[in-house]
Amino acid sequence: MISITKEFRFEAAHHLPNYEGKCRFVHGHSYLLAVEVSGEIDESSETALNGMVMDFGELKKVVNKKIIDKLDHTDLNNIFKSPTAEVMTYWIVRQLRESLPFGVRLNRVRLWETDTSYAEWKAV
């Protein structure tokens, strides 16, 4: 099994309702999203994938369509009741799981809210 990872960036604003800390106020983040997928490869295959788990360009198209185009430059409170990094990460997982080609497995999703803070989902 081989895995590949692609990173994406997007900007968004949010606030955390019913929260006592400073995040209760509207503020923005420059999010970094890392998506890791895995699969088997067949180096001897004459197919279009010829030794690839998934073409990086195809992974980019899927993530842009299902995630980035929906979240970039938005008010996340219009999409999520409580737009924490954890809630968003789980939503991203659900969106991507149903969108990957046959034989490609979602392994990990990591969403950085800041340079030092992220939420992560890992396949079991």
PDB file of N, CA and C in Angstrom:
ATOM      1  N   MET A   1       0.856  -1.177   0.000  1.00  0.00           N
ATOM      2  CA  MET A   1       0.000   0.000   0.000  1.00  0.00           C
ATOM      3  C   MET A   1       0.899   1.237   0.000  1.00  0.00           C
ATOM      4  N   ILE A   2       0.607   2.155  -0.893  1.00  0.00           N
ATOM      5  CA  ILE A   2       1.351   3.414  -1.011  1.00  0.00           C
ATOM      6  C   ILE A   2       0.381   4.559  -0.737  1.00  0.00           C
ATOM      7  N   SER A   3       0.861   5.595  -0.068  1.00  0.00           N
ATOM      8  CA  SER A   3       0.005   6.759   0.164  1.00  0.00           C
ATOM      9  C   SER A   3       0.608   7.990  -0.494  1.00  0.00           C
ATOM     10  N   ILE A   4      -0.280   8.910  -0.878  1.00  0.00           N
ATOM     11  CA  ILE A   4       0.126  10.212  -1.412  1.00  0.00           C
ATOM     12  C   ILE A   4      -0.642  11.283  -0.640  1.00  0.00           C
ATOM     13  N   THR A   5      -0.059  12.462  -0.556  1.00  0.00           N
ATOM     14  CA  THR A   5      -0.682  13.570   0.166  1.00  0.00           C
ATOM     15  C   THR A   5      -0.623  14.823  -0.681  1.00  0.00           C
ATOM     16  N   LYS A   6      -1.718  15.578  -0.676  1.00  0.00           N
ATOM     17  CA  LYS A   6      -1.761  16.871  -1.354  1.00  0.00           C
ATOM     18  C   LYS A   6      -2.272  17.902  -0.356  1.00  0.00           C
ATOM     19  N   GLU A   7      -1.704  19.108  -0.425  1.00  0.00           N
ATOM     20  CA  GLU A   7      -2.092  20.189   0.482  1.00  0.00           C
ATOM     21  C   GLU A   7      -2.866  21.263  -0.270  1.00  0.00           C
ATOM     22  N   PHE A   8      -3.785  21.903   0.455  1.00  0.00           N
ATOM     23  CA  PHE A   8      -4.652  22.940  -0.094  1.00  0.00           C
ATOM     24  C   PHE A   8      -4.752  24.069   0.918  1.00  0.00           C
ATOM     25  N   ARG A   9      -4.988  25.271   0.430  1.00  0.00           N
ATOM     26  CA  ARG A   9      -5.152  26.435   1.305  1.00  0.00           C
ATOM     27  C   ARG A   9      -6.471  27.122   0.988  1.00  0.00           C
ATOM     28  N   PHE A  10      -7.101  27.646   2.040  1.00  0.00           N
ATOM     29  CA  PHE A  10      -8.297  28.458   1.837  1.00  0.00           C
ATOM     30  C   PHE A  10      -8.443  29.429   3.002  1.00  0.00           C
ATOM     31  N   GLU A  11      -9.167  30.494   2.745  1.00  0.00           N
ATOM     32  CA  GLU A  11      -9.413  31.550   3.726  1.00  0.00           C
ATOM     33  C   GLU A  11     -10.887  31.504   4.108  1.00  0.00           C
ATOM     34  N   ALA A  12     -11.173  31.680   5.389  1.00  0.00           N
ATOM     35  CA  ALA A  12     -12.569  31.694   5.826  1.00  0.00           C
ATOM     36  C   ALA A  12     -12.691  32.393   7.174  1.00  0.00           C
ATOM     37  N   ALA A  13     -13.908  32.872   7.442  1.00  0.00           N
ATOM     38  CA  ALA A  13     -14.213  33.528   8.715  1.00  0.00           C
ATOM     39  C   ALA A  13     -15.208  32.673   9.491  1.00  0.00           C
ATOM     40  N   HIS A  14     -15.205  32.836  10.803  1.00  0.00           N
ATOM     41  CA  HIS A  14     -16.179  32.140  11.643  1.00  0.00           C
ATOM     42  C   HIS A  14     -16.165  32.731  13.044  1.00  0.00           C
ATOM     43  N   HIS A  15     -17.100  32.271  13.835  1.00  0.00           N
ATOM     44  CA  HIS A  15     -17.097  32.517  15.275  1.00  0.00           C
ATOM     45  C   HIS A  15     -17.706  31.286  15.931  1.00  0.00           C
ATOM     46  N   LEU A  16     -17.431  31.114  17.197  1.00  0.00           N
ATOM     47  CA  LEU A  16     -17.943  29.953  17.922  1.00  0.00           C
ATOM     48  C   LEU A  16     -19.032  30.412  18.885  1.00  0.00           C
ATOM     49  N   PRO A  17     -20.298  30.211  18.487  1.00  0.00           N
ATOM     50  CA  PRO A  17     -21.393  30.624  19.368  1.00  0.00           C
ATOM     51  C   PRO A  17     -21.381  29.798  20.655  1.00  0.00           C
ATOM     52  N   ASN A  18     -21.879  30.373  21.703  1.00  0.00           N
ATOM     53  CA  ASN A  18     -21.956  29.689  23.004  1.00  0.00           C
ATOM     54  C   ASN A  18     -20.586  29.294  23.540  1.00  0.00           C
ATOM     55  N   TYR A  19     -19.569  30.045  23.176  1.00  0.00           N
ATOM     56  CA  TYR A  19     -18.212  29.803  23.652  1.00  0.00           C
ATOM     57  C   TYR A  19     -17.770  31.044  24.410  1.00  0.00           C
ATOM     58  N   GLU A  20     -17.105  30.873  25.537  1.00  0.00           N
ATOM     59  CA  GLU A  20     -16.737  32.005  26.382  1.00  0.00           C
ATOM     60  C   GLU A  20     -15.409  32.651  26.006  1.00  0.00           C
ATOM     61  N   GLY A  21     -14.584  31.985  25.228  1.00  0.00           N
ATOM     62  CA  GLY A  21     -13.273  32.529  24.879  1.00  0.00           C
ATOM     63  C   GLY A  21     -13.339  33.543  23.751  1.00  0.00           C
ATOM     64  N   LYS A  22     -12.173  34.010  23.325  1.00  0.00           N
ATOM     65  CA  LYS A  22     -12.114  35.052  22.298  1.00  0.00           C
ATOM     66  C   LYS A  22     -12.639  34.594  20.939  1.00  0.00           C
ATOM     67  N   CYS A  23     -12.728  33.296  20.726  1.00  0.00           N
ATOM     68  CA  CYS A  23     -13.231  32.788  19.443  1.00  0.00           C
ATOM     69  C   CYS A  23     -14.737  32.970  19.285  1.00  0.00           C
ATOM     70  N   ARG A  24     -15.391  33.534  20.296  1.00  0.00           N
ATOM     71  CA  ARG A  24     -16.820  33.834  20.163  1.00  0.00           C
ATOM     72  C   ARG A  24     -17.037  35.027  19.232  1.00  0.00           C
ATOM     73  N   PHE A  25     -15.970  35.791  18.995  1.00  0.00           N
ATOM     74  CA  PHE A  25     -16.044  36.937  18.089  1.00  0.00           C
ATOM     75  C   PHE A  25     -15.673  36.505  16.668  1.00  0.00           C
ATOM     76  N   VAL A  26     -16.258  37.167  15.691  1.00  0.00           N
ATOM     77  CA  VAL A  26     -15.952  36.848  14.293  1.00  0.00           C
ATOM     78  C   VAL A  26     -14.474  37.116  14.025  1.00  0.00           C
ATOM     79  N   HIS A  27     -13.832  36.144  13.411  1.00  0.00           N
ATOM     80  CA  HIS A  27     -12.415  36.255  13.053  1.00  0.00           C
ATOM     81  C   HIS A  27     -12.149  35.320  11.877  1.00  0.00           C
ATOM     82  N   GLY A  28     -10.979  35.423  11.296  1.00  0.00           N
ATOM     83  CA  GLY A  28     -10.667  34.599  10.131  1.00  0.00           C
ATOM     84  C   GLY A  28      -9.423  33.761  10.325  1.00  0.00           C
ATOM     85  N   HIS A  29      -9.284  32.778   9.439  1.00  0.00           N
ATOM     86  CA  HIS A  29      -8.111  31.907   9.431  1.00  0.00           C
ATOM     87  C   HIS A  29      -7.648  31.679   8.001  1.00  0.00           C
ATOM     88  N   SER A  30      -6.366  31.440   7.865  1.00  0.00           N
ATOM     89  CA  SER A  30      -5.785  30.941   6.622  1.00  0.00           C
ATOM     90  C   SER A  30      -5.579  29.447   6.849  1.00  0.00           C
ATOM     91  N   TYR A  31      -6.548  28.665   6.424  1.00  0.00           N
ATOM     92  CA  TYR A  31      -6.532  27.219   6.675  1.00  0.00           C
ATOM     93  C   TYR A  31      -5.575  26.504   5.733  1.00  0.00           C
ATOM     94  N   LEU A  32      -4.973  25.454   6.245  1.00  0.00           N
ATOM     95  CA  LEU A  32      -4.169  24.528   5.439  1.00  0.00           C
ATOM     96  C   LEU A  32      -4.791  23.153   5.617  1.00  0.00           C
ATOM     97  N   LEU A  33      -5.114  22.511   4.506  1.00  0.00           N
ATOM     98  CA  LEU A  33      -5.738  21.190   4.515  1.00  0.00           C
ATOM     99  C   LEU A  33      -4.811  20.198   3.832  1.00  0.00           C
ATOM    100  N   ALA A  34      -4.502  19.098   4.500  1.00  0.00           N
ATOM    101  CA  ALA A  34      -3.709  18.020   3.908  1.00  0.00           C
ATOM    102  C   ALA A  34      -4.601  16.790   3.786  1.00  0.00           C
ATOM    103  N   VAL A  35      -4.651  16.237   2.575  1.00  0.00           N
ATOM    104  CA  VAL A  35      -5.465  15.051   2.301  1.00  0.00           C
ATOM    105  C   VAL A  35      -4.535  13.930   1.863  1.00  0.00           C
ATOM    106  N   GLU A  36      -4.582  12.822   2.591  1.00  0.00           N
ATOM    107  CA  GLU A  36      -3.755  11.654   2.265  1.00  0.00           C
ATOM    108  C   GLU A  36      -4.656  10.510   1.823  1.00  0.00           C
ATOM    109  N   VAL A  37      -4.340   9.941   0.658  1.00  0.00           N
ATOM    110  CA  VAL A  37      -5.057   8.771   0.156  1.00  0.00           C
ATOM    111  C   VAL A  37      -4.055   7.657  -0.099  1.00  0.00           C
ATOM    112  N   SER A  38      -4.555   6.427  -0.170  1.00  0.00           N
ATOM    113  CA  SER A  38      -3.656   5.305  -0.422  1.00  0.00           C
ATOM    114  C   SER A  38      -4.321   4.287  -1.334  1.00  0.00           C
ATOM    115  N   GLY A  39      -3.489   3.425  -1.861  1.00  0.00           N
ATOM    116  CA  GLY A  39      -3.979   2.353  -2.715  1.00  0.00           C
ATOM    117  C   GLY A  39      -2.819   1.485  -3.152  1.00  0.00           C
ATOM    118  N   GLU A  40      -3.157   0.441  -3.863  1.00  0.00           N
ATOM    119  CA  GLU A  40      -2.144  -0.450  -4.425  1.00  0.00           C
ATOM    120  C   GLU A  40      -1.705   0.095  -5.777  1.00  0.00           C
ATOM    121  N   ILE A  41      -0.466  -0.177  -6.139  1.00  0.00           N
ATOM    122  CA  ILE A  41       0.003   0.197  -7.469  1.00  0.00           C
ATOM    123  C   ILE A  41       0.505  -1.050  -8.175  1.00  0.00           C
ATOM    124  N   ASP A  42       0.453  -1.005  -9.487  1.00  0.00           N
ATOM    125  CA  ASP A  42       0.948  -2.099 -10.316  1.00  0.00           C
ATOM    126  C   ASP A  42       1.911  -1.483 -11.321  1.00  0.00           C
ATOM    127  N   GLU A  43       3.188  -1.563 -11.012  1.00  0.00           N
ATOM    128  CA  GLU A  43       4.200  -0.937 -11.872  1.00  0.00           C
ATOM    129  C   GLU A  43       4.233  -1.530 -13.273  1.00  0.00           C
ATOM    130  N   SER A  44       3.769  -2.752 -13.421  1.00  0.00           N
ATOM    131  CA  SER A  44       3.815  -3.398 -14.733  1.00  0.00           C
ATOM    132  C   SER A  44       2.574  -3.095 -15.568  1.00  0.00           C
ATOM    133  N   SER A  45       1.611  -2.386 -14.981  1.00  0.00           N
ATOM    134  CA  SER A  45       0.351  -2.114 -15.669  1.00  0.00           C
ATOM    135  C   SER A  45       0.546  -1.139 -16.821  1.00  0.00           C
ATOM    136  N   GLU A  46      -0.221  -1.331 -17.862  1.00  0.00           N
ATOM    137  CA  GLU A  46      -0.200  -0.423 -19.017  1.00  0.00           C
ATOM    138  C   GLU A  46      -1.376   0.549 -18.947  1.00  0.00           C
ATOM    139  N   THR A  47      -2.013   0.656 -17.790  1.00  0.00           N
ATOM    140  CA  THR A  47      -3.183   1.518 -17.660  1.00  0.00           C
ATOM    141  C   THR A  47      -2.767   2.977 -17.558  1.00  0.00           C
ATOM    142  N   ALA A  48      -3.768   3.851 -17.566  1.00  0.00           N
ATOM    143  CA  ALA A  48      -3.511   5.294 -17.488  1.00  0.00           C
ATOM    144  C   ALA A  48      -2.819   5.676 -16.182  1.00  0.00           C
ATOM    145  N   LEU A  49      -3.079   4.931 -15.096  1.00  0.00           N
ATOM    146  CA  LEU A  49      -2.462   5.273 -13.813  1.00  0.00           C
ATOM    147  C   LEU A  49      -1.026   4.783 -13.718  1.00  0.00           C
ATOM    148  N   ASN A  50      -0.659   3.788 -14.484  1.00  0.00           N
ATOM    149  CA  ASN A  50       0.718   3.317 -14.629  1.00  0.00           C
ATOM    150  C   ASN A  50       1.610   3.609 -13.424  1.00  0.00           C
ATOM    151  N   GLY A  51       1.332   2.943 -12.326  1.00  0.00           N
ATOM    152  CA  GLY A  51       2.182   3.091 -11.149  1.00  0.00           C
ATOM    153  C   GLY A  51       1.765   4.186 -10.192  1.00  0.00           C
ATOM    154  N   MET A  52       0.573   4.768 -10.362  1.00  0.00           N
ATOM    155  CA  MET A  52       0.092   5.823  -9.472  1.00  0.00           C
ATOM    156  C   MET A  52      -1.063   5.312  -8.621  1.00  0.00           C
ATOM    157  N   VAL A  53      -1.127   5.770  -7.383  1.00  0.00           N
ATOM    158  CA  VAL A  53      -2.298   5.525  -6.543  1.00  0.00           C
ATOM    159  C   VAL A  53      -3.471   6.306  -7.121  1.00  0.00           C
ATOM    160  N   MET A  54      -3.209   7.586  -7.396  1.00  0.00           N
ATOM    161  CA  MET A  54      -4.195   8.497  -7.980  1.00  0.00           C
ATOM    162  C   MET A  54      -3.412   9.666  -8.537  1.00  0.00           C
ATOM    163  N   ASP A  55      -3.789  10.158  -9.675  1.00  0.00           N
ATOM    164  CA  ASP A  55      -3.131  11.323 -10.254  1.00  0.00           C
ATOM    165  C   ASP A  55      -3.322  12.517  -9.305  1.00  0.00           C
ATOM    166  N   PHE A  56      -2.242  13.227  -8.985  1.00  0.00           N
ATOM    167  CA  PHE A  56      -2.345  14.389  -8.089  1.00  0.00           C
ATOM    168  C   PHE A  56      -3.339  15.415  -8.629  1.00  0.00           C
ATOM    169  N   GLY A  57      -3.376  15.576  -9.946  1.00  0.00           N
ATOM    170  CA  GLY A  57      -4.315  16.520 -10.562  1.00  0.00           C
ATOM    171  C   GLY A  57      -5.760  16.117 -10.342  1.00  0.00           C
ATOM    172  N   GLU A  58      -6.044  14.814 -10.371  1.00  0.00           N
ATOM    173  CA  GLU A  58      -7.401  14.327 -10.117  1.00  0.00           C
ATOM    174  C   GLU A  58      -7.780  14.521  -8.655  1.00  0.00           C
ATOM    175  N   LEU A  59      -6.830  14.268  -7.758  1.00  0.00           N
ATOM    176  CA  LEU A  59      -7.091  14.503  -6.339  1.00  0.00           C
ATOM    177  C   LEU A  59      -7.389  15.984  -6.107  1.00  0.00           C
ATOM    178  N   LYS A  60      -6.637  16.843  -6.763  1.00  0.00           N
ATOM    179  CA  LYS A  60      -6.863  18.284  -6.656  1.00  0.00           C
ATOM    180  C   LYS A  60      -8.265  18.655  -7.133  1.00  0.00           C
ATOM    181  N   LYS A  61      -8.700  18.095  -8.255  1.00  0.00           N
ATOM    182  CA  LYS A  61     -10.041  18.385  -8.778  1.00  0.00           C
ATOM    183  C   LYS A  61     -11.122  17.972  -7.785  1.00  0.00           C
ATOM    184  N   VAL A  62     -10.980  16.788  -7.208  1.00  0.00           N
ATOM    185  CA  VAL A  62     -11.975  16.287  -6.254  1.00  0.00           C
ATOM    186  C   VAL A  62     -12.035  17.186  -5.023  1.00  0.00           C
ATOM    187  N   VAL A  63     -10.881  17.497  -4.445  1.00  0.00           N
ATOM    188  CA  VAL A  63     -10.858  18.307  -3.218  1.00  0.00           C
ATOM    189  C   VAL A  63     -11.343  19.728  -3.503  1.00  0.00           C
ATOM    190  N   ASN A  64     -10.942  20.299  -4.620  1.00  0.00           N
ATOM    191  CA  ASN A  64     -11.421  21.645  -4.956  1.00  0.00           C
ATOM    192  C   ASN A  64     -12.936  21.668  -5.106  1.00  0.00           C
ATOM    193  N   LYS A  65     -13.487  20.702  -5.820  1.00  0.00           N
ATOM    194  CA  LYS A  65     -14.932  20.675  -6.070  1.00  0.00           C
ATOM    195  C   LYS A  65     -15.727  20.416  -4.795  1.00  0.00           C
ATOM    196  N   LYS A  66     -15.313  19.444  -4.008  1.00  0.00           N
ATOM    197  CA  LYS A  66     -16.088  19.026  -2.841  1.00  0.00           C
ATOM    198  C   LYS A  66     -15.829  19.862  -1.587  1.00  0.00           C
ATOM    199  N   ILE A  67     -14.640  20.490  -1.501  1.00  0.00           N
ATOM    200  CA  ILE A  67     -14.261  21.170  -0.254  1.00  0.00           C
ATOM    201  C   ILE A  67     -13.929  22.647  -0.473  1.00  0.00           C
ATOM    202  N   ILE A  68     -12.866  22.904  -1.200  1.00  0.00           N
ATOM    203  CA  ILE A  68     -12.334  24.271  -1.305  1.00  0.00           C
ATOM    204  C   ILE A  68     -13.352  25.231  -1.905  1.00  0.00           C
ATOM    205  N   ASP A  69     -14.004  24.834  -2.996  1.00  0.00           N
ATOM    206  CA  ASP A  69     -14.986  25.715  -3.635  1.00  0.00           C
ATOM    207  C   ASP A  69     -16.146  26.058  -2.704  1.00  0.00           C
ATOM    208  N   LYS A  70     -16.423  25.207  -1.730  1.00  0.00           N
ATOM    209  CA  LYS A  70     -17.523  25.444  -0.791  1.00  0.00           C
ATOM    210  C   LYS A  70     -17.103  26.255   0.435  1.00  0.00           C
ATOM    211  N   LEU A  71     -15.818  26.201   0.794  1.00  0.00           N
ATOM    212  CA  LEU A  71     -15.374  26.840   2.036  1.00  0.00           C
ATOM    213  C   LEU A  71     -14.565  28.118   1.838  1.00  0.00           C
ATOM    214  N   ASP A  72     -13.890  28.260   0.725  1.00  0.00           N
ATOM    215  CA  ASP A  72     -12.977  29.388   0.533  1.00  0.00           C
ATOM    216  C   ASP A  72     -13.725  30.722   0.517  1.00  0.00           C
ATOM    217  N   HIS A  73     -13.231  31.657   1.300  1.00  0.00           N
ATOM    218  CA  HIS A  73     -13.782  33.006   1.427  1.00  0.00           C
ATOM    219  C   HIS A  73     -15.268  32.995   1.796  1.00  0.00           C
ATOM    220  N   THR A  74     -15.611  32.158   2.779  1.00  0.00           N
ATOM    221  CA  THR A  74     -16.991  32.102   3.256  1.00  0.00           C
ATOM    222  C   THR A  74     -17.040  32.411   4.745  1.00  0.00           C
ATOM    223  N   ASP A  75     -18.256  32.647   5.207  1.00  0.00           N
ATOM    224  CA  ASP A  75     -18.539  32.681   6.639  1.00  0.00           C
ATOM    225  C   ASP A  75     -18.937  31.255   6.995  1.00  0.00           C
ATOM    226  N   LEU A  76     -18.071  30.550   7.673  1.00  0.00           N
ATOM    227  CA  LEU A  76     -18.290  29.134   7.967  1.00  0.00           C
ATOM    228  C   LEU A  76     -19.533  28.884   8.815  1.00  0.00           C
ATOM    229  N   ASN A  77     -19.999  29.900   9.528  1.00  0.00           N
ATOM    230  CA  ASN A  77     -21.211  29.741  10.331  1.00  0.00           C
ATOM    231  C   ASN A  77     -22.451  29.567   9.460  1.00  0.00           C
ATOM    232  N   ASN A  78     -22.360  29.907   8.184  1.00  0.00           N
ATOM    233  CA  ASN A  78     -23.466  29.659   7.258  1.00  0.00           C
ATOM    234  C   ASN A  78     -23.502  28.201   6.805  1.00  0.00           C
ATOM    235  N   ILE A  79     -22.449  27.442   7.088  1.00  0.00           N
ATOM    236  CA  ILE A  79     -22.354  26.039   6.674  1.00  0.00           C
ATOM    237  C   ILE A  79     -22.431  25.101   7.878  1.00  0.00           C
ATOM    238  N   PHE A  80     -21.787  25.495   8.970  1.00  0.00           N
ATOM    239  CA  PHE A  80     -21.695  24.654  10.167  1.00  0.00           C
ATOM    240  C   PHE A  80     -22.330  25.364  11.362  1.00  0.00           C
ATOM    241  N   LYS A  81     -23.014  24.593  12.198  1.00  0.00           N
ATOM    242  CA  LYS A  81     -23.607  25.160  13.413  1.00  0.00           C
ATOM    243  C   LYS A  81     -22.513  25.643  14.362  1.00  0.00           C
ATOM    244  N   SER A  82     -21.483  24.848  14.498  1.00  0.00           N
ATOM    245  CA  SER A  82     -20.338  25.201  15.336  1.00  0.00           C
ATOM    246  C   SER A  82     -19.067  24.869  14.548  1.00  0.00           C
ATOM    247  N   PRO A  83     -18.526  25.843  13.830  1.00  0.00           N
ATOM    248  CA  PRO A  83     -17.421  25.570  12.900  1.00  0.00           C
ATOM    249  C   PRO A  83     -16.047  25.436  13.563  1.00  0.00           C
ATOM    250  N   THR A  84     -15.921  24.418  14.397  1.00  0.00           N
ATOM    251  CA  THR A  84     -14.613  24.120  14.982  1.00  0.00           C
ATOM    252  C   THR A  84     -13.775  23.362  13.959  1.00  0.00           C
ATOM    253  N   ALA A  85     -12.490  23.309  14.177  1.00  0.00           N
ATOM    254  CA  ALA A  85     -11.615  22.537  13.290  1.00  0.00           C
ATOM    255  C   ALA A  85     -12.022  21.065  13.294  1.00  0.00           C
ATOM    256  N   GLU A  86     -12.466  20.570  14.440  1.00  0.00           N
ATOM    257  CA  GLU A  86     -12.879  19.169  14.539  1.00  0.00           C
ATOM    258  C   GLU A  86     -14.132  18.887  13.714  1.00  0.00           C
ATOM    259  N   VAL A  87     -15.123  19.746  13.830  1.00  0.00           N
ATOM    260  CA  VAL A  87     -16.368  19.579  13.065  1.00  0.00           C
ATOM    261  C   VAL A  87     -16.080  19.670  11.571  1.00  0.00           C
ATOM    262  N   MET A  88     -15.273  20.633  11.190  1.00  0.00           N
ATOM    263  CA  MET A  88     -14.942  20.802   9.776  1.00  0.00           C
ATOM    264  C   MET A  88     -14.173  19.598   9.231  1.00  0.00           C
ATOM    265  N   THR A  89     -13.251  19.084  10.016  1.00  0.00           N
ATOM    266  CA  THR A  89     -12.464  17.925   9.579  1.00  0.00           C
ATOM    267  C   THR A  89     -13.369  16.728   9.333  1.00  0.00           C
ATOM    268  N   TYR A  90     -14.284  16.482  10.235  1.00  0.00           N
ATOM    269  CA  TYR A  90     -15.194  15.349  10.060  1.00  0.00           C
ATOM    270  C   TYR A  90     -16.078  15.542   8.823  1.00  0.00           C
ATOM    271  N   TRP A  91     -16.539  16.753   8.579  1.00  0.00           N
ATOM    272  CA  TRP A  91     -17.342  17.053   7.385  1.00  0.00           C
ATOM    273  C   TRP A  91     -16.521  16.802   6.121  1.00  0.00           C
ATOM    274  N   ILE A  92     -15.270  17.237   6.121  1.00  0.00           N
ATOM    275  CA  ILE A  92     -14.383  17.021   4.973  1.00  0.00           C
ATOM    276  C   ILE A  92     -14.235  15.529   4.693  1.00  0.00           C
ATOM    277  N   VAL A  93     -14.044  14.747   5.729  1.00  0.00           N
ATOM    278  CA  VAL A  93     -13.919  13.291   5.575  1.00  0.00           C
ATOM    279  C   VAL A  93     -15.164  12.724   4.902  1.00  0.00           C
ATOM    280  N   ARG A  94     -16.332  13.103   5.377  1.00  0.00           N
ATOM    281  CA  ARG A  94     -17.579  12.580   4.796  1.00  0.00           C
ATOM    282  C   ARG A  94     -17.720  12.976   3.331  1.00  0.00           C
ATOM    283  N   GLN A  95     -17.339  14.201   2.994  1.00  0.00           N
ATOM    284  CA  GLN A  95     -17.431  14.649   1.601  1.00  0.00           C
ATOM    285  C   GLN A  95     -16.484  13.868   0.700  1.00  0.00           C
ATOM    286  N   LEU A  96     -15.266  13.641   1.172  1.00  0.00           N
ATOM    287  CA  LEU A  96     -14.251  13.008   0.328  1.00  0.00           C
ATOM    288  C   LEU A  96     -14.427  11.505   0.207  1.00  0.00           C
ATOM    289  N   ARG A  97     -14.846  10.852   1.254  1.00  0.00           N
ATOM    290  CA  ARG A  97     -15.001   9.388   1.223  1.00  0.00           C
ATOM    291  C   ARG A  97     -15.880   8.936   0.069  1.00  0.00           C
ATOM    292  N   GLU A  98     -16.951   9.675  -0.182  1.00  0.00           N
ATOM    293  CA  GLU A  98     -17.891   9.276  -1.232  1.00  0.00           C
ATOM    294  C   GLU A  98     -17.464   9.747  -2.621  1.00  0.00           C
ATOM    295  N   SER A  99     -16.359  10.446  -2.718  1.00  0.00           N
ATOM    296  CA  SER A  99     -15.958  11.045  -3.991  1.00  0.00           C
ATOM    297  C   SER A  99     -14.691  10.459  -4.596  1.00  0.00           C
ATOM    298  N   LEU A 100     -14.033   9.566  -3.895  1.00  0.00           N
ATOM    299  CA  LEU A 100     -12.776   9.005  -4.394  1.00  0.00           C
ATOM    300  C   LEU A 100     -13.042   7.823  -5.321  1.00  0.00           C
ATOM    301  N   PRO A 101     -12.155   7.618  -6.294  1.00  0.00           N
ATOM    302  CA  PRO A 101     -12.335   6.492  -7.215  1.00  0.00           C
ATOM    303  C   PRO A 101     -12.211   5.141  -6.513  1.00  0.00           C
ATOM    304  N   PHE A 102     -12.762   4.117  -7.137  1.00  0.00           N
ATOM    305  CA  PHE A 102     -12.680   2.756  -6.621  1.00  0.00           C
ATOM    306  C   PHE A 102     -11.215   2.380  -6.406  1.00  0.00           C
ATOM    307  N   GLY A 103     -10.922   1.773  -5.262  1.00  0.00           N
ATOM    308  CA  GLY A 103      -9.566   1.330  -4.969  1.00  0.00           C
ATOM    309  C   GLY A 103      -8.692   2.365  -4.291  1.00  0.00           C
ATOM    310  N   VAL A 104      -9.196   3.595  -4.161  1.00  0.00           N
ATOM    311  CA  VAL A 104      -8.442   4.658  -3.482  1.00  0.00           C
ATOM    312  C   VAL A 104      -9.093   4.878  -2.121  1.00  0.00           C
ATOM    313  N   ARG A 105      -8.288   4.807  -1.078  1.00  0.00           N
ATOM    314  CA  ARG A 105      -8.777   4.886   0.304  1.00  0.00           C
ATOM    315  C   ARG A 105      -8.335   6.200   0.937  1.00  0.00           C
ATOM    316  N   LEU A 106      -9.256   6.865   1.609  1.00  0.00           N
ATOM    317  CA  LEU A 106      -8.914   8.060   2.378  1.00  0.00           C
ATOM    318  C   LEU A 106      -8.230   7.612   3.662  1.00  0.00           C
ATOM    319  N   ASN A 107      -6.996   8.053   3.861  1.00  0.00           N
ATOM    320  CA  ASN A 107      -6.196   7.649   5.027  1.00  0.00           C
ATOM    321  C   ASN A 107      -6.203   8.672   6.144  1.00  0.00           C
ATOM    322  N   ARG A 108      -6.061   9.934   5.749  1.00  0.00           N
ATOM    323  CA  ARG A 108      -5.856  10.966   6.759  1.00  0.00           C
ATOM    324  C   ARG A 108      -6.316  12.310   6.201  1.00  0.00           C
ATOM    325  N   VAL A 109      -6.922  13.095   7.080  1.00  0.00           N
ATOM    326  CA  VAL A 109      -7.260  14.482   6.779  1.00  0.00           C
ATOM    327  C   VAL A 109      -6.746  15.300   7.946  1.00  0.00           C
ATOM    328  N   ARG A 110      -5.957  16.302   7.633  1.00  0.00           N
ATOM    329  CA  ARG A 110      -5.408  17.185   8.666  1.00  0.00           C
ATOM    330  C   ARG A 110      -5.766  18.617   8.270  1.00  0.00           C
ATOM    331  N   LEU A 111      -6.418  19.342   9.182  1.00  0.00           N
ATOM    332  CA  LEU A 111      -6.838  20.714   8.925  1.00  0.00           C
ATOM    333  C   LEU A 111      -6.185  21.637   9.945  1.00  0.00           C
ATOM    334  N   TRP A 112      -5.244  22.472   9.460  1.00  0.00           N
ATOM    335  CA  TRP A 112      -4.592  23.462  10.316  1.00  0.00           C
ATOM    336  C   TRP A 112      -5.457  24.707  10.358  1.00  0.00           C
ATOM    337  N   GLU A 113      -5.751  25.155  11.572  1.00  0.00           N
ATOM    338  CA  GLU A 113      -6.458  26.416  11.760  1.00  0.00           C
ATOM    339  C   GLU A 113      -5.444  27.549  11.939  1.00  0.00           C
ATOM    340  N   THR A 114      -4.306  27.208  12.522  1.00  0.00           N
ATOM    341  CA  THR A 114      -3.187  28.142  12.663  1.00  0.00           C
ATOM    342  C   THR A 114      -1.914  27.378  12.325  1.00  0.00           C
ATOM    343  N   ASP A 115      -0.788  28.062  12.363  1.00  0.00           N
ATOM    344  CA  ASP A 115       0.488  27.399  12.068  1.00  0.00           C
ATOM    345  C   ASP A 115       0.822  26.289  13.057  1.00  0.00           C
ATOM    346  N   THR A 116       0.243  26.360  14.246  1.00  0.00           N
ATOM    347  CA  THR A 116       0.613  25.397  15.291  1.00  0.00           C
ATOM    348  C   THR A 116      -0.548  24.539  15.798  1.00  0.00           C
ATOM    349  N   SER A 117      -1.728  24.699  15.201  1.00  0.00           N
ATOM    350  CA  SER A 117      -2.906  23.984  15.715  1.00  0.00           C
ATOM    351  C   SER A 117      -3.695  23.344  14.583  1.00  0.00           C
ATOM    352  N   TYR A 118      -3.954  22.044  14.726  1.00  0.00           N
ATOM    353  CA  TYR A 118      -4.736  21.354  13.701  1.00  0.00           C
ATOM    354  C   TYR A 118      -5.602  20.268  14.316  1.00  0.00           C
ATOM    355  N   ALA A 119      -6.632  19.883  13.553  1.00  0.00           N
ATOM    356  CA  ALA A 119      -7.451  18.710  13.876  1.00  0.00           C
ATOM    357  C   ALA A 119      -7.124  17.658  12.835  1.00  0.00           C
ATOM    358  N   GLU A 120      -7.156  16.398  13.257  1.00  0.00           N
ATOM    359  CA  GLU A 120      -6.765  15.326  12.349  1.00  0.00           C
ATOM    360  C   GLU A 120      -7.702  14.140  12.481  1.00  0.00           C
ATOM    361  N   TRP A 121      -8.064  13.571  11.339  1.00  0.00           N
ATOM    362  CA  TRP A 121      -8.805  12.312  11.275  1.00  0.00           C
ATOM    363  C   TRP A 121      -7.903  11.290  10.608  1.00  0.00           C
ATOM    364  N   LYS A 122      -7.856  10.088  11.165  1.00  0.00           N
ATOM    365  CA  LYS A 122      -7.068   8.996  10.578  1.00  0.00           C
ATOM    366  C   LYS A 122      -7.957   7.780  10.411  1.00  0.00           C
ATOM    367  N   ALA A 123      -7.819   7.100   9.286  1.00  0.00           N
ATOM    368  CA  ALA A 123      -8.548   5.854   9.073  1.00  0.00           C
ATOM    369  C   ALA A 123      -8.059   4.816  10.066  1.00  0.00           C
ATOM    370  N   VAL A 124      -8.952   3.972  10.477  1.00  0.00           N
ATOM    371  CA  VAL A 124      -8.593   2.917  11.430  1.00  0.00           C
ATOM    372  C   VAL A 124      -8.190   1.674  10.670  1.00  0.00           C
TER     373      VAL A 124
END
